[in-house]
C-alpha atoms as a PDB file:
ATOM      1  CA  MET A   1     -10.388  25.289  35.748  1.00  0.00           C
ATOM      2  CA  LYS A   2     -13.754  24.646  33.471  1.00  0.00           C
ATOM      3  CA  ILE A   3     -14.601  27.800  31.947  1.00  0.00           C
ATOM      4  CA  TYR A   4     -18.772  26.940  32.302  1.00  0.00           C
ATOM      5  CA  THR A   5     -19.884  26.288  35.597  1.00  0.00           C
ATOM      6  CA  LYS A   6     -23.531  25.709  35.132  1.00  0.00           C
ATOM      7  CA  GLY A   7     -23.950  27.858  37.866  1.00  0.00           C
ATOM      8  CA  GLY A   8     -26.294  30.455  35.891  1.00  0.00           C
ATOM      9  CA  ASP A   9     -28.084  28.151  34.030  1.00  0.00           C
ATOM     10  CA  ALA A  10     -31.217  28.980  36.149  1.00  0.00           C
ATOM     11  CA  GLY A  11     -30.876  32.765  35.506  1.00  0.00           C
ATOM     12  CA  LYS A  12     -28.991  33.668  38.680  1.00  0.00           C
ATOM     13  CA  THR A  13     -25.275  34.898  39.128  1.00  0.00           C
ATOM     14  CA  SER A  14     -23.361  35.137  42.204  1.00  0.00           C
ATOM     15  CA  LEU A  15     -22.071  38.569  43.533  1.00  0.00           C
ATOM     16  CA  PHE A  16     -18.346  39.386  45.043  1.00  0.00           C
ATOM     17  CA  GLY A  17     -19.155  37.746  48.300  1.00  0.00           C
ATOM     18  CA  GLY A  18     -21.368  34.901  47.465  1.00  0.00           C
ATOM     19  CA  ARG A  19     -24.627  36.031  47.360  1.00  0.00           C
ATOM     20  CA  ARG A  20     -26.831  34.835  44.164  1.00  0.00           C
ATOM     21  CA  VAL A  21     -29.060  37.546  42.600  1.00  0.00           C
ATOM     22  CA  ASP A  22     -31.358  37.391  39.331  1.00  0.00           C
ATOM     23  CA  LYS A  23     -29.140  38.122  35.709  1.00  0.00           C
ATOM     24  CA  CYS A  24     -31.469  40.936  35.192  1.00  0.00           C
ATOM     25  CA  ALA A  25     -31.034  42.391  38.823  1.00  0.00           C
ATOM     26  CA  THR A  26     -29.967  46.351  38.620  1.00  0.00           C
ATOM     27  CA  ARG A  27     -26.270  45.711  40.144  1.00  0.00           C
ATOM     28  CA  VAL A  28     -25.688  43.086  37.611  1.00  0.00           C
ATOM     29  CA  GLU A  29     -27.212  45.653  35.072  1.00  0.00           C
ATOM     30  CA  ALA A  30     -24.654  48.101  36.047  1.00  0.00           C
ATOM     31  CA  TYR A  31     -21.829  45.822  35.921  1.00  0.00           C
ATOM     32  CA  GLY A  32     -22.647  44.356  32.728  1.00  0.00           C
ATOM     33  CA  ASP A  33     -22.303  47.856  30.715  1.00  0.00           C
ATOM     34  CA  ILE A  34     -19.655  48.809  32.967  1.00  0.00           C
ATOM     35  CA  ASP A  35     -18.088  45.527  31.009  1.00  0.00           C
ATOM     36  CA  GLU A  36     -19.319  45.888  27.594  1.00  0.00           C
ATOM     37  CA  LEU A  37     -18.189  49.274  28.237  1.00  0.00           C
ATOM     38  CA  ASN A  38     -14.743  48.266  28.838  1.00  0.00           C
ATOM     39  CA  ALA A  39     -14.576  46.003  25.818  1.00  0.00           C
ATOM     40  CA  ALA A  40     -15.792  49.159  23.664  1.00  0.00           C
ATOM     41  CA  MET A  41     -12.781  50.567  25.236  1.00  0.00           C
ATOM     42  CA  GLY A  42     -10.506  47.662  23.840  1.00  0.00           C
ATOM     43  CA  VAL A  43     -11.504  48.335  20.438  1.00  0.00           C
ATOM     44  CA  ALA A  44     -11.167  51.971  20.841  1.00  0.00           C
ATOM     45  CA  ARG A  45      -7.754  51.176  21.724  1.00  0.00           C
ATOM     46  CA  ALA A  46      -7.105  48.995  18.878  1.00  0.00           C
ATOM     47  CA  ALA A  47      -7.906  51.376  16.880  1.00  0.00           C
ATOM     48  CA  ALA A  48      -5.300  54.143  18.361  1.00  0.00           C
ATOM     49  CA  ARG A  49      -3.075  51.612  18.797  1.00  0.00           C
ATOM     50  CA  ALA A  50       0.658  53.593  18.402  1.00  0.00           C
ATOM     51  CA  SER A  51      -1.770  57.351  19.171  1.00  0.00           C
ATOM     52  CA  ALA A  52      -1.020  58.894  22.183  1.00  0.00           C
ATOM     53  CA  LEU A  53      -4.220  57.330  23.081  1.00  0.00           C
ATOM     54  CA  ASP A  54      -3.037  54.061  23.895  1.00  0.00           C
ATOM     55  CA  VAL A  55      -1.504  54.578  27.658  1.00  0.00           C
ATOM     56  CA  PRO A  56      -4.827  56.043  28.690  1.00  0.00           C
ATOM     57  CA  LEU A  57      -7.411  54.081  27.466  1.00  0.00           C
ATOM     58  CA  LEU A  58      -4.993  51.334  28.706  1.00  0.00           C
ATOM     59  CA  ARG A  59      -5.273  53.066  32.212  1.00  0.00           C
ATOM     60  CA  ILE A  60      -8.786  53.596  31.743  1.00  0.00           C
ATOM     61  CA  GLN A  61      -9.611  49.862  31.386  1.00  0.00           C
ATOM     62  CA  SER A  62      -7.905  49.206  34.266  1.00  0.00           C
ATOM     63  CA  GLU A  63     -10.282  51.949  36.337  1.00  0.00           C
ATOM     64  CA  LEU A  64     -13.148  50.130  34.887  1.00  0.00           C
ATOM     65  CA  PHE A  65     -12.217  46.717  35.982  1.00  0.00           C
ATOM     66  CA  THR A  66     -12.159  47.946  39.346  1.00  0.00           C
ATOM     67  CA  LEU A  67     -15.601  49.719  39.192  1.00  0.00           C
ATOM     68  CA  GLY A  68     -17.103  46.828  37.842  1.00  0.00           C
ATOM     69  CA  ALA A  69     -15.863  44.642  40.381  1.00  0.00           C
ATOM     70  CA  ARG A  70     -16.637  47.073  42.946  1.00  0.00           C
ATOM     71  CA  LEU A  71     -20.176  47.139  41.500  1.00  0.00           C
ATOM     72  CA  ALA A  72     -20.090  42.911  41.960  1.00  0.00           C
ATOM     73  CA  ALA A  73     -19.659  43.532  45.541  1.00  0.00           C
ATOM     74  CA  ALA A  74     -22.580  44.275  47.153  1.00  0.00           C
ATOM     75  CA  ASP A  75     -21.840  44.110  50.800  1.00  0.00           C
ATOM     76  CA  GLU A  76     -19.257  46.605  52.157  1.00  0.00           C
ATOM     77  CA  SER A  77     -17.253  43.478  53.499  1.00  0.00           C
ATOM     78  CA  ALA A  78     -16.384  42.191  50.035  1.00  0.00           C
ATOM     79  CA  ARG A  79     -15.770  45.919  48.468  1.00  0.00           C
ATOM     80  CA  ALA A  80     -13.012  45.930  51.488  1.00  0.00           C
ATOM     81  CA  LYS A  81     -11.061  43.608  50.171  1.00  0.00           C
ATOM     82  CA  LEU A  82     -11.091  45.825  46.177  1.00  0.00           C
ATOM     83  CA  PRO A  83      -9.168  48.550  45.073  1.00  0.00           C
ATOM     84  CA  ALA A  84     -10.509  51.669  45.790  1.00  0.00           C
ATOM     85  CA  ILE A  85     -12.128  54.264  43.591  1.00  0.00           C
ATOM     86  CA  GLU A  86      -9.440  56.985  43.573  1.00  0.00           C
ATOM     87  CA  SER A  87     -10.181  60.831  43.187  1.00  0.00           C
ATOM     88  CA  SER A  88      -7.152  61.043  41.584  1.00  0.00           C
ATOM     89  CA  TRP A  89      -8.914  59.067  38.377  1.00  0.00           C
ATOM     90  CA  ILE A  90     -11.272  62.093  38.064  1.00  0.00           C
ATOM     91  CA  ALA A  91      -8.977  64.688  38.211  1.00  0.00           C
ATOM     92  CA  VAL A  92      -6.547  62.742  35.271  1.00  0.00           C
ATOM     93  CA  LEU A  93      -9.533  62.401  32.721  1.00  0.00           C
ATOM     94  CA  GLU A  94     -10.449  66.367  34.260  1.00  0.00           C
ATOM     95  CA  SER A  95      -6.876  67.584  33.466  1.00  0.00           C
ATOM     96  CA  GLU A  96      -6.798  65.423  29.761  1.00  0.00           C
ATOM     97  CA  ILE A  97     -10.030  67.093  28.556  1.00  0.00           C
ATOM     98  CA  ASP A  98      -8.703  70.666  29.500  1.00  0.00           C
ATOM     99  CA  ALA A  99      -5.125  69.749  27.466  1.00  0.00           C
ATOM    100  CA  ALA A 100      -7.484  68.342  24.542  1.00  0.00           C
ATOM    101  CA  VAL A 101      -9.783  71.358  24.382  1.00  0.00           C
ATOM    102  CA  ASP A 102      -6.838  73.637  24.525  1.00  0.00           C
ATOM    103  CA  GLU A 103      -5.727  71.706  21.418  1.00  0.00           C
ATOM    104  CA  LEU A 104      -9.070  71.993  19.398  1.00  0.00           C
ATOM    105  CA  PRO A 105     -11.162  74.481  17.745  1.00  0.00           C
ATOM    106  CA  PRO A 106     -13.766  75.963  19.588  1.00  0.00           C
ATOM    107  CA  LEU A 107     -16.765  73.737  19.648  1.00  0.00           C
ATOM    108  CA  ARG A 108     -19.473  76.060  16.914  1.00  0.00           C
ATOM    109  CA  HIS A 109     -21.887  72.698  16.319  1.00  0.00           C
ATOM    110  CA  PHE A 110     -23.373  69.441  17.370  1.00  0.00           C
ATOM    111  CA  VAL A 111     -21.288  66.749  16.292  1.00  0.00           C
ATOM    112  CA  LEU A 112     -22.351  63.390  14.935  1.00  0.00           C
ATOM    113  CA  PRO A 113     -20.261  60.081  15.914  1.00  0.00           C
ATOM    114  CA  GLY A 114     -18.042  59.331  13.521  1.00  0.00           C
ATOM    115  CA  GLY A 115     -14.932  60.951  11.385  1.00  0.00           C
ATOM    116  CA  CYS A 116     -11.835  59.055  11.241  1.00  0.00           C
ATOM    117  CA  GLU A 117     -11.799  55.465  12.953  1.00  0.00           C
ATOM    118  CA  SER A 118     -10.553  56.238  16.270  1.00  0.00           C
ATOM    119  CA  SER A 119     -12.874  58.606  16.711  1.00  0.00           C
ATOM    120  CA  ALA A 120     -15.969  56.648  15.779  1.00  0.00           C
ATOM    121  CA  THR A 121     -15.109  53.672  18.051  1.00  0.00           C
ATOM    122  CA  LEU A 122     -14.627  56.606  20.862  1.00  0.00           C
ATOM    123  CA  HIS A 123     -17.932  57.737  20.019  1.00  0.00           C
ATOM    124  CA  LEU A 124     -19.861  54.139  20.393  1.00  0.00           C
ATOM    125  CA  ALA A 125     -17.654  53.335  23.873  1.00  0.00           C
ATOM    126  CA  ARG A 126     -19.294  57.275  24.973  1.00  0.00           C
ATOM    127  CA  THR A 127     -22.801  56.163  24.484  1.00  0.00           C
ATOM    128  CA  ILE A 128     -22.596  53.119  26.176  1.00  0.00           C
ATOM    129  CA  CYS A 129     -20.481  55.030  29.158  1.00  0.00           C
ATOM    130  CA  ARG A 130     -23.794  57.056  29.039  1.00  0.00           C
ATOM    131  CA  ARG A 131     -26.104  54.010  29.566  1.00  0.00           C
ATOM    132  CA  ALA A 132     -23.367  52.329  31.625  1.00  0.00           C
ATOM    133  CA  GLU A 133     -24.307  55.645  33.824  1.00  0.00           C
ATOM    134  CA  ARG A 134     -27.569  55.380  33.269  1.00  0.00           C
ATOM    135  CA  ALA A 135     -27.926  52.030  35.364  1.00  0.00           C
ATOM    136  CA  ILE A 136     -25.254  53.058  38.116  1.00  0.00           C
ATOM    137  CA  VAL A 137     -28.111  55.870  38.994  1.00  0.00           C
ATOM    138  CA  ALA A 138     -30.812  53.561  38.457  1.00  0.00           C
ATOM    139  CA  LEU A 139     -28.862  51.160  41.325  1.00  0.00           C
ATOM    140  CA  SER A 140     -28.087  54.349  43.583  1.00  0.00           C
ATOM    141  CA  LEU A 141     -31.999  54.342  43.650  1.00  0.00           C
ATOM    142  CA  GLU A 142     -31.959  51.121  45.170  1.00  0.00           C
ATOM    143  CA  GLU A 143     -29.372  50.605  47.493  1.00  0.00           C
ATOM    144  CA  PRO A 144     -26.163  52.736  48.029  1.00  0.00           C
ATOM    145  CA  VAL A 145     -23.405  53.497  45.483  1.00  0.00           C
ATOM    146  CA  GLU A 146     -20.138  54.990  45.884  1.00  0.00           C
ATOM    147  CA  SER A 147     -20.555  58.660  44.626  1.00  0.00           C
ATOM    148  CA  GLU A 148     -17.175  58.473  43.037  1.00  0.00           C
ATOM    149  CA  LEU A 149     -18.458  55.930  40.766  1.00  0.00           C
ATOM    150  CA  ILE A 150     -20.866  57.885  38.875  1.00  0.00           C
ATOM    151  CA  ILE A 151     -18.951  61.153  39.068  1.00  0.00           C
ATOM    152  CA  TYR A 152     -15.876  58.903  37.214  1.00  0.00           C
ATOM    153  CA  VAL A 153     -18.292  57.134  34.927  1.00  0.00           C
ATOM    154  CA  ASN A 154     -20.062  61.241  33.969  1.00  0.00           C
ATOM    155  CA  ARG A 155     -16.499  62.453  33.786  1.00  0.00           C
ATOM    156  CA  LEU A 156     -15.431  59.525  31.225  1.00  0.00           C
ATOM    157  CA  SER A 157     -18.150  60.405  28.818  1.00  0.00           C
ATOM    158  CA  ASP A 158     -16.801  63.631  29.004  1.00  0.00           C
ATOM    159  CA  TRP A 159     -13.675  62.564  28.602  1.00  0.00           C
ATOM    160  CA  LEU A 160     -14.464  59.971  25.360  1.00  0.00           C
ATOM    161  CA  PHE A 161     -16.306  62.792  23.636  1.00  0.00           C
ATOM    162  CA  THR A 162     -13.149  65.146  24.104  1.00  0.00           C
ATOM    163  CA  MET A 163     -10.781  62.608  22.842  1.00  0.00           C
ATOM    164  CA  ALA A 164     -13.277  61.730  19.863  1.00  0.00           C
ATOM    165  CA  ARG A 165     -13.208  64.985  18.585  1.00  0.00           C
ATOM    166  CA  LEU A 166      -9.218  65.305  19.278  1.00  0.00           C
ATOM    167  CA  ALA A 167      -8.896  62.202  16.683  1.00  0.00           C
ATOM    168  CA  ASN A 168     -10.721  63.483  14.543  1.00  0.00           C
ATOM    169  CA  HIS A 169      -8.385  66.952  14.650  1.00  0.00           C
ATOM    170  CA  ARG A 170      -5.159  65.002  14.679  1.00  0.00           C
ATOM    171  CA  ALA A 171      -5.860  62.968  11.650  1.00  0.00           C
ATOM    172  CA  GLN A 172      -7.432  66.426  10.079  1.00  0.00           C
ATOM    173  CA  VAL A 173     -10.952  64.992   9.501  1.00  0.00           C
ATOM    174  CA  VAL A 174     -13.150  67.129   9.251  1.00  0.00           C
ATOM    175  CA  GLU A 175     -15.634  66.395  12.284  1.00  0.00           C
ATOM    176  CA  PRO A 176     -19.434  65.361  10.694  1.00  0.00           C
ATOM    177  CA  GLN A 177     -21.914  68.208  12.197  1.00  0.00           C
ATOM    178  CA  TRP A 178     -25.538  67.873  12.694  1.00  0.00           C
ATOM    179  CA  ASP A 179     -27.596  69.713  10.301  1.00  0.00           C
ATOM    180  CA  PRO A 180     -31.037  70.781  11.558  1.00  0.00           C
ATOM    181  CA  SER A 181     -32.466  71.765   8.102  1.00  0.00           C
ATOM    182  CA  HIS A 182     -31.632  68.363   6.800  1.00  0.00           C
ATOM    183  CA  ARG A 183     -34.849  66.529   6.077  1.00  0.00           C
ATOM    184  CA  GLY A 184     -33.663  62.921   4.921  1.00  0.00           C
END
């Protein structure tokens, strides 16, 4: 099988189900952002290797692949052939956030992205997650989008923020703080 098909050379791509759309279509932007987020999660996983975050990051990568596939399926008949987005995924994220918050000191300041390598990669993934969320919401203004998809991505950004804090805490690295009086 060849990797290149030349089918996209004119700026079009195929959705699941076969429909051709412009590569800049809102739907393509949304699942492209999810793909980028999944790649960022892979970088975060590489930075967190051998830590307690490795297994949940791998689980989330698989869940993101499902989200991206569902976004790439514009037709209900195509989506019916794909795994569903499970509400339990959201519940697991919330449970992991709650457990991490119990371990963390209270948040009393705005946190700047950074600290240890693992935290920095999680913060980067968080910002990509927020962009993906905006793209999915934009798509939802044009056509129906599963509400669980939006909820999952919103909760995932909270999870990434919390795990970035936890990574710094466990590495005993002081979280970088925003100093509003700093004038550069």
